[in-house]
Amino acid sequence: MQELEDRTALFILKNLRENLSYAWCQKMLARVTLPPTVHHHAHFRVWQRRFYDMSIWGSKKRDEKLNYMHNNPVKRGLVKHPGDWPWSSWRFYFWNDASVPAMDTVL
């Protein structure tokens, strides 16, 4: 993910800088520019900081992350039960439901 974020951020910034004659490019570049008091090594932030990769080594952390993912649609009020979300793997994990696409279980 970091490689994807780095490459796309560089591409976006390059294109914004090359097209400053367009007002929307100036506006977007201003929106991703960090204030001088914030940056250490970077002057722009294209991607949100909250997204990061994480290696899962134990069953406790695996279960925590699966429960988080499965319950997100419920917390957002999109469905009443995790199994109601059509793109969820909840049915696969808890009911061994074959109606969802085949997938490998997380160890």
N, C-alpha and C. Protein backbone atom coordinates (compact mmCIF):
# COMPACT_ATOMS: atom_id res chain seq x y z
N MET A 1 0.83 -1.19 0.00
CA MET A 1 0.00 0.00 0.00
C MET A 1 0.87 1.25 0.00
N GLN A 2 1.96 1.21 0.76
CA GLN A 2 2.80 2.40 0.83
C GLN A 2 3.39 2.74 -0.53
N GLU A 3 3.81 1.73 -1.27
CA GLU A 3 4.35 1.98 -2.61
C GLU A 3 3.29 2.60 -3.51
N LEU A 4 2.07 2.09 -3.44
CA LEU A 4 0.97 2.65 -4.22
C LEU A 4 0.70 4.10 -3.81
N GLU A 5 0.64 4.35 -2.51
CA GLU A 5 0.41 5.71 -2.03
C GLU A 5 1.53 6.66 -2.45
N ASP A 6 2.77 6.21 -2.31
CA ASP A 6 3.91 7.06 -2.69
C ASP A 6 3.87 7.42 -4.17
N ARG A 7 3.68 6.41 -5.00
CA ARG A 7 3.71 6.64 -6.45
C ARG A 7 2.55 7.52 -6.91
N THR A 8 1.36 7.27 -6.37
CA THR A 8 0.22 8.08 -6.80
C THR A 8 0.32 9.49 -6.26
N ALA A 9 0.83 9.66 -5.04
CA ALA A 9 0.99 11.02 -4.49
C ALA A 9 1.97 11.82 -5.33
N LEU A 10 3.09 11.21 -5.72
CA LEU A 10 4.06 11.90 -6.57
C LEU A 10 3.44 12.27 -7.91
N PHE A 11 2.66 11.37 -8.48
CA PHE A 11 2.00 11.62 -9.76
C PHE A 11 1.01 12.77 -9.64
N ILE A 12 0.21 12.75 -8.60
CA ILE A 12 -0.80 13.80 -8.38
C ILE A 12 -0.13 15.15 -8.17
N LEU A 13 0.88 15.20 -7.31
CA LEU A 13 1.57 16.47 -7.04
C LEU A 13 2.25 17.01 -8.29
N LYS A 14 2.89 16.14 -9.05
CA LYS A 14 3.55 16.56 -10.28
C LYS A 14 2.54 17.19 -11.24
N ASN A 15 1.40 16.55 -11.40
CA ASN A 15 0.39 17.07 -12.32
C ASN A 15 -0.25 18.35 -11.82
N LEU A 16 -0.45 18.47 -10.53
CA LEU A 16 -0.99 19.71 -9.98
C LEU A 16 -0.02 20.86 -10.20
N ARG A 17 1.26 20.62 -9.94
CA ARG A 17 2.28 21.67 -10.13
C ARG A 17 2.41 22.09 -11.59
N GLU A 18 2.27 21.13 -12.49
CA GLU A 18 2.42 21.42 -13.92
C GLU A 18 1.20 22.13 -14.50
N ASN A 19 0.11 22.17 -13.77
CA ASN A 19 -1.12 22.75 -14.29
C ASN A 19 -1.67 23.86 -13.40
N LEU A 20 -0.79 24.65 -12.85
CA LEU A 20 -1.21 25.72 -11.94
C LEU A 20 -1.98 26.83 -12.66
N SER A 21 -2.02 26.79 -13.98
CA SER A 21 -2.82 27.78 -14.71
C SER A 21 -4.32 27.52 -14.51
N TYR A 22 -4.65 26.31 -14.07
CA TYR A 22 -6.05 25.98 -13.77
C TYR A 22 -6.31 26.27 -12.29
N ALA A 23 -7.36 27.00 -12.03
CA ALA A 23 -7.67 27.39 -10.65
C ALA A 23 -7.90 26.18 -9.75
N TRP A 24 -8.53 25.15 -10.28
CA TRP A 24 -8.82 23.98 -9.44
C TRP A 24 -7.53 23.26 -9.04
N CYS A 25 -6.48 23.29 -9.88
CA CYS A 25 -5.20 22.70 -9.52
C CYS A 25 -4.54 23.49 -8.40
N GLN A 26 -4.62 24.81 -8.47
CA GLN A 26 -4.09 25.65 -7.39
C GLN A 26 -4.81 25.34 -6.08
N LYS A 27 -6.13 25.22 -6.18
CA LYS A 27 -6.94 24.95 -4.99
C LYS A 27 -6.59 23.58 -4.39
N MET A 28 -6.47 22.58 -5.24
CA MET A 28 -6.15 21.24 -4.74
C MET A 28 -4.75 21.19 -4.13
N LEU A 29 -3.79 21.85 -4.76
CA LEU A 29 -2.44 21.88 -4.21
C LEU A 29 -2.43 22.57 -2.85
N ALA A 30 -3.19 23.63 -2.71
CA ALA A 30 -3.29 24.32 -1.42
C ALA A 30 -3.92 23.42 -0.36
N ARG A 31 -4.88 22.59 -0.77
CA ARG A 31 -5.56 21.71 0.19
C ARG A 31 -4.67 20.61 0.73
N VAL A 32 -3.68 20.16 -0.07
CA VAL A 32 -2.81 19.08 0.38
C VAL A 32 -1.50 19.60 0.97
N THR A 33 -1.32 20.92 0.98
CA THR A 33 -0.10 21.51 1.54
C THR A 33 -0.20 21.55 3.07
N LEU A 34 0.85 21.08 3.72
CA LEU A 34 0.89 21.07 5.18
C LEU A 34 1.41 22.41 5.69
N PRO A 35 0.91 22.87 6.83
CA PRO A 35 1.45 24.09 7.42
C PRO A 35 2.91 23.86 7.85
N PRO A 36 3.72 24.90 7.87
CA PRO A 36 5.14 24.74 8.23
C PRO A 36 5.37 24.12 9.61
N THR A 37 4.44 24.29 10.51
CA THR A 37 4.61 23.73 11.86
C THR A 37 4.35 22.24 11.91
N VAL A 38 3.78 21.67 10.86
CA VAL A 38 3.40 20.25 10.88
C VAL A 38 4.45 19.37 10.22
N HIS A 39 4.98 19.79 9.11
CA HIS A 39 5.83 18.88 8.34
C HIS A 39 7.23 18.74 8.92
N HIS A 40 7.74 17.52 8.81
CA HIS A 40 9.11 17.24 9.19
C HIS A 40 9.93 16.99 7.93
N HIS A 41 9.49 16.04 7.13
CA HIS A 41 10.20 15.70 5.91
C HIS A 41 9.34 15.91 4.67
N ALA A 42 8.05 16.08 4.85
CA ALA A 42 7.15 16.24 3.71
C ALA A 42 6.43 17.59 3.82
N HIS A 43 6.12 18.14 2.69
CA HIS A 43 5.41 19.42 2.66
C HIS A 43 3.96 19.26 2.21
N PHE A 44 3.61 18.04 1.76
CA PHE A 44 2.27 17.77 1.26
C PHE A 44 1.77 16.47 1.85
N ARG A 45 0.45 16.35 1.99
CA ARG A 45 -0.16 15.09 2.39
C ARG A 45 -1.35 14.83 1.48
N VAL A 46 -1.18 13.89 0.58
CA VAL A 46 -2.23 13.53 -0.36
C VAL A 46 -3.15 12.48 0.27
N TRP A 47 -2.56 11.53 0.98
CA TRP A 47 -3.31 10.43 1.59
C TRP A 47 -3.54 10.69 3.07
N GLN A 48 -4.65 10.20 3.58
CA GLN A 48 -4.93 10.31 5.01
C GLN A 48 -3.95 9.44 5.79
N ARG A 49 -3.58 9.88 6.96
CA ARG A 49 -2.60 9.14 7.76
C ARG A 49 -3.19 7.91 8.42
N ARG A 50 -4.48 7.83 8.57
CA ARG A 50 -5.05 6.75 9.36
C ARG A 50 -4.95 5.38 8.70
N PHE A 51 -4.64 5.34 7.42
CA PHE A 51 -4.55 4.06 6.73
C PHE A 51 -3.12 3.55 6.76
N TYR A 52 -2.93 2.38 7.30
CA TYR A 52 -1.61 1.79 7.36
C TYR A 52 -1.74 0.28 7.36
N ASP A 53 -0.68 -0.38 6.91
CA ASP A 53 -0.72 -1.84 6.91
C ASP A 53 -0.31 -2.36 8.28
N MET A 54 -0.74 -3.56 8.57
CA MET A 54 -0.44 -4.16 9.87
C MET A 54 -0.31 -5.66 9.69
N SER A 55 0.73 -6.22 10.22
CA SER A 55 0.89 -7.67 10.20
C SER A 55 0.14 -8.25 11.39
N ILE A 56 -0.66 -9.26 11.12
CA ILE A 56 -1.43 -9.92 12.16
C ILE A 56 -0.74 -11.24 12.49
N TRP A 57 -0.29 -11.38 13.72
CA TRP A 57 0.49 -12.56 14.09
C TRP A 57 -0.27 -13.53 14.98
N GLY A 58 -1.28 -13.09 15.68
CA GLY A 58 -1.95 -13.99 16.61
C GLY A 58 -3.44 -14.09 16.34
N SER A 59 -4.04 -15.15 16.88
CA SER A 59 -5.47 -15.37 16.68
C SER A 59 -6.32 -14.30 17.36
N LYS A 60 -5.84 -13.79 18.49
CA LYS A 60 -6.59 -12.75 19.20
C LYS A 60 -6.70 -11.48 18.34
N LYS A 61 -5.58 -11.05 17.75
CA LYS A 61 -5.58 -9.85 16.90
C LYS A 61 -6.37 -10.11 15.62
N ARG A 62 -6.26 -11.32 15.06
CA ARG A 62 -7.02 -11.69 13.86
C ARG A 62 -8.52 -11.57 14.14
N ASP A 63 -8.97 -12.14 15.24
CA ASP A 63 -10.39 -12.08 15.59
C ASP A 63 -10.84 -10.64 15.82
N GLU A 64 -9.99 -9.84 16.46
CA GLU A 64 -10.30 -8.43 16.70
C GLU A 64 -10.52 -7.69 15.38
N LYS A 65 -9.63 -7.92 14.41
CA LYS A 65 -9.73 -7.22 13.12
C LYS A 65 -10.92 -7.73 12.30
N LEU A 66 -11.17 -9.04 12.33
CA LEU A 66 -12.33 -9.57 11.61
C LEU A 66 -13.63 -9.03 12.20
N ASN A 67 -13.72 -8.99 13.54
CA ASN A 67 -14.92 -8.43 14.17
C ASN A 67 -15.10 -6.96 13.83
N TYR A 68 -14.01 -6.22 13.80
CA TYR A 68 -14.05 -4.80 13.42
C TYR A 68 -14.60 -4.65 12.00
N MET A 69 -14.03 -5.41 11.08
CA MET A 69 -14.48 -5.31 9.68
C MET A 69 -15.94 -5.74 9.52
N HIS A 70 -16.31 -6.83 10.17
CA HIS A 70 -17.67 -7.33 10.02
C HIS A 70 -18.70 -6.42 10.66
N ASN A 71 -18.33 -5.71 11.71
CA ASN A 71 -19.28 -4.85 12.41
C ASN A 71 -19.31 -3.41 11.91
N ASN A 72 -18.40 -3.03 11.02
CA ASN A 72 -18.41 -1.67 10.50
C ASN A 72 -19.73 -1.27 9.85
N PRO A 73 -20.31 -2.07 8.96
CA PRO A 73 -21.59 -1.67 8.36
C PRO A 73 -22.71 -1.52 9.39
N VAL A 74 -22.64 -2.30 10.47
CA VAL A 74 -23.65 -2.19 11.54
C VAL A 74 -23.47 -0.87 12.28
N LYS A 75 -22.23 -0.54 12.64
CA LYS A 75 -21.95 0.71 13.35
C LYS A 75 -22.32 1.93 12.53
N ARG A 76 -22.20 1.83 11.21
CA ARG A 76 -22.54 2.95 10.33
C ARG A 76 -24.04 3.03 10.04
N GLY A 77 -24.79 2.05 10.56
CA GLY A 77 -26.24 2.06 10.37
C GLY A 77 -26.68 1.61 8.98
N LEU A 78 -25.81 0.92 8.27
CA LEU A 78 -26.15 0.46 6.92
C LEU A 78 -26.94 -0.84 6.94
N VAL A 79 -26.72 -1.65 7.95
CA VAL A 79 -27.45 -2.91 8.14
C VAL A 79 -27.66 -3.13 9.63
N LYS A 80 -28.56 -4.05 9.96
CA LYS A 80 -28.82 -4.34 11.37
C LYS A 80 -27.92 -5.46 11.89
N HIS A 81 -27.43 -6.32 11.00
CA HIS A 81 -26.62 -7.48 11.39
C HIS A 81 -25.45 -7.63 10.40
N PRO A 82 -24.27 -8.02 10.87
CA PRO A 82 -23.12 -8.14 9.97
C PRO A 82 -23.36 -9.04 8.76
N GLY A 83 -24.14 -10.09 8.95
CA GLY A 83 -24.43 -11.01 7.85
C GLY A 83 -25.32 -10.41 6.77
N ASP A 84 -25.94 -9.26 7.04
CA ASP A 84 -26.81 -8.61 6.06
C ASP A 84 -26.03 -7.80 5.03
N TRP A 85 -24.78 -7.48 5.32
CA TRP A 85 -23.97 -6.68 4.39
C TRP A 85 -23.55 -7.60 3.24
N PRO A 86 -23.95 -7.29 2.01
CA PRO A 86 -23.73 -8.22 0.89
C PRO A 86 -22.27 -8.50 0.57
N TRP A 87 -21.35 -7.61 0.90
CA TRP A 87 -19.94 -7.80 0.56
C TRP A 87 -19.12 -8.31 1.74
N SER A 88 -19.79 -8.71 2.79
CA SER A 88 -19.10 -9.14 3.99
C SER A 88 -18.68 -10.61 3.91
N SER A 89 -17.58 -10.93 4.56
CA SER A 89 -17.15 -12.32 4.68
C SER A 89 -17.73 -12.95 5.94
N TRP A 90 -18.59 -12.24 6.64
CA TRP A 90 -19.15 -12.73 7.90
C TRP A 90 -19.83 -14.08 7.71
N ARG A 91 -20.65 -14.21 6.68
CA ARG A 91 -21.37 -15.47 6.45
C ARG A 91 -20.41 -16.62 6.19
N PHE A 92 -19.32 -16.33 5.51
CA PHE A 92 -18.31 -17.36 5.25
C PHE A 92 -17.68 -17.85 6.55
N TYR A 93 -17.32 -16.92 7.42
CA TYR A 93 -16.64 -17.28 8.66
C TYR A 93 -17.56 -17.91 9.70
N PHE A 94 -18.79 -17.42 9.81
CA PHE A 94 -19.65 -17.88 10.89
C PHE A 94 -20.67 -18.93 10.50
N TRP A 95 -21.00 -19.01 9.22
CA TRP A 95 -21.97 -20.02 8.78
C TRP A 95 -21.39 -20.98 7.76
N ASN A 96 -20.13 -20.79 7.38
CA ASN A 96 -19.54 -21.57 6.29
C ASN A 96 -20.43 -21.54 5.06
N ASP A 97 -20.98 -20.38 4.79
CA ASP A 97 -21.93 -20.16 3.70
C ASP A 97 -21.23 -20.26 2.35
N ALA A 98 -21.69 -21.14 1.51
CA ALA A 98 -21.10 -21.33 0.18
C ALA A 98 -21.68 -20.36 -0.85
N SER A 99 -22.64 -19.53 -0.46
CA SER A 99 -23.25 -18.61 -1.43
C SER A 99 -22.35 -17.40 -1.70
N VAL A 100 -21.38 -17.16 -0.82
CA VAL A 100 -20.43 -16.07 -1.03
C VAL A 100 -19.26 -16.64 -1.85
N PRO A 101 -18.54 -15.78 -2.55
CA PRO A 101 -17.40 -16.30 -3.33
C PRO A 101 -16.42 -17.07 -2.45
N ALA A 102 -15.84 -18.09 -3.03
CA ALA A 102 -14.88 -18.91 -2.30
C ALA A 102 -13.69 -18.06 -1.86
N MET A 103 -13.24 -18.29 -0.65
CA MET A 103 -12.08 -17.54 -0.15
C MET A 103 -11.31 -18.43 0.81
N ASP A 104 -10.09 -18.05 1.05
CA ASP A 104 -9.26 -18.76 2.03
C ASP A 104 -9.52 -18.16 3.39
N THR A 105 -9.66 -19.00 4.38
CA THR A 105 -9.83 -18.48 5.73
C THR A 105 -8.51 -17.92 6.23
N VAL A 106 -8.60 -16.89 7.04
CA VAL A 106 -7.42 -16.34 7.67
C VAL A 106 -7.06 -17.30 8.80
N LEU A 107 -5.82 -17.67 8.86
CA LEU A 107 -5.39 -18.68 9.86
C LEU A 107 -5.73 -18.32 11.25
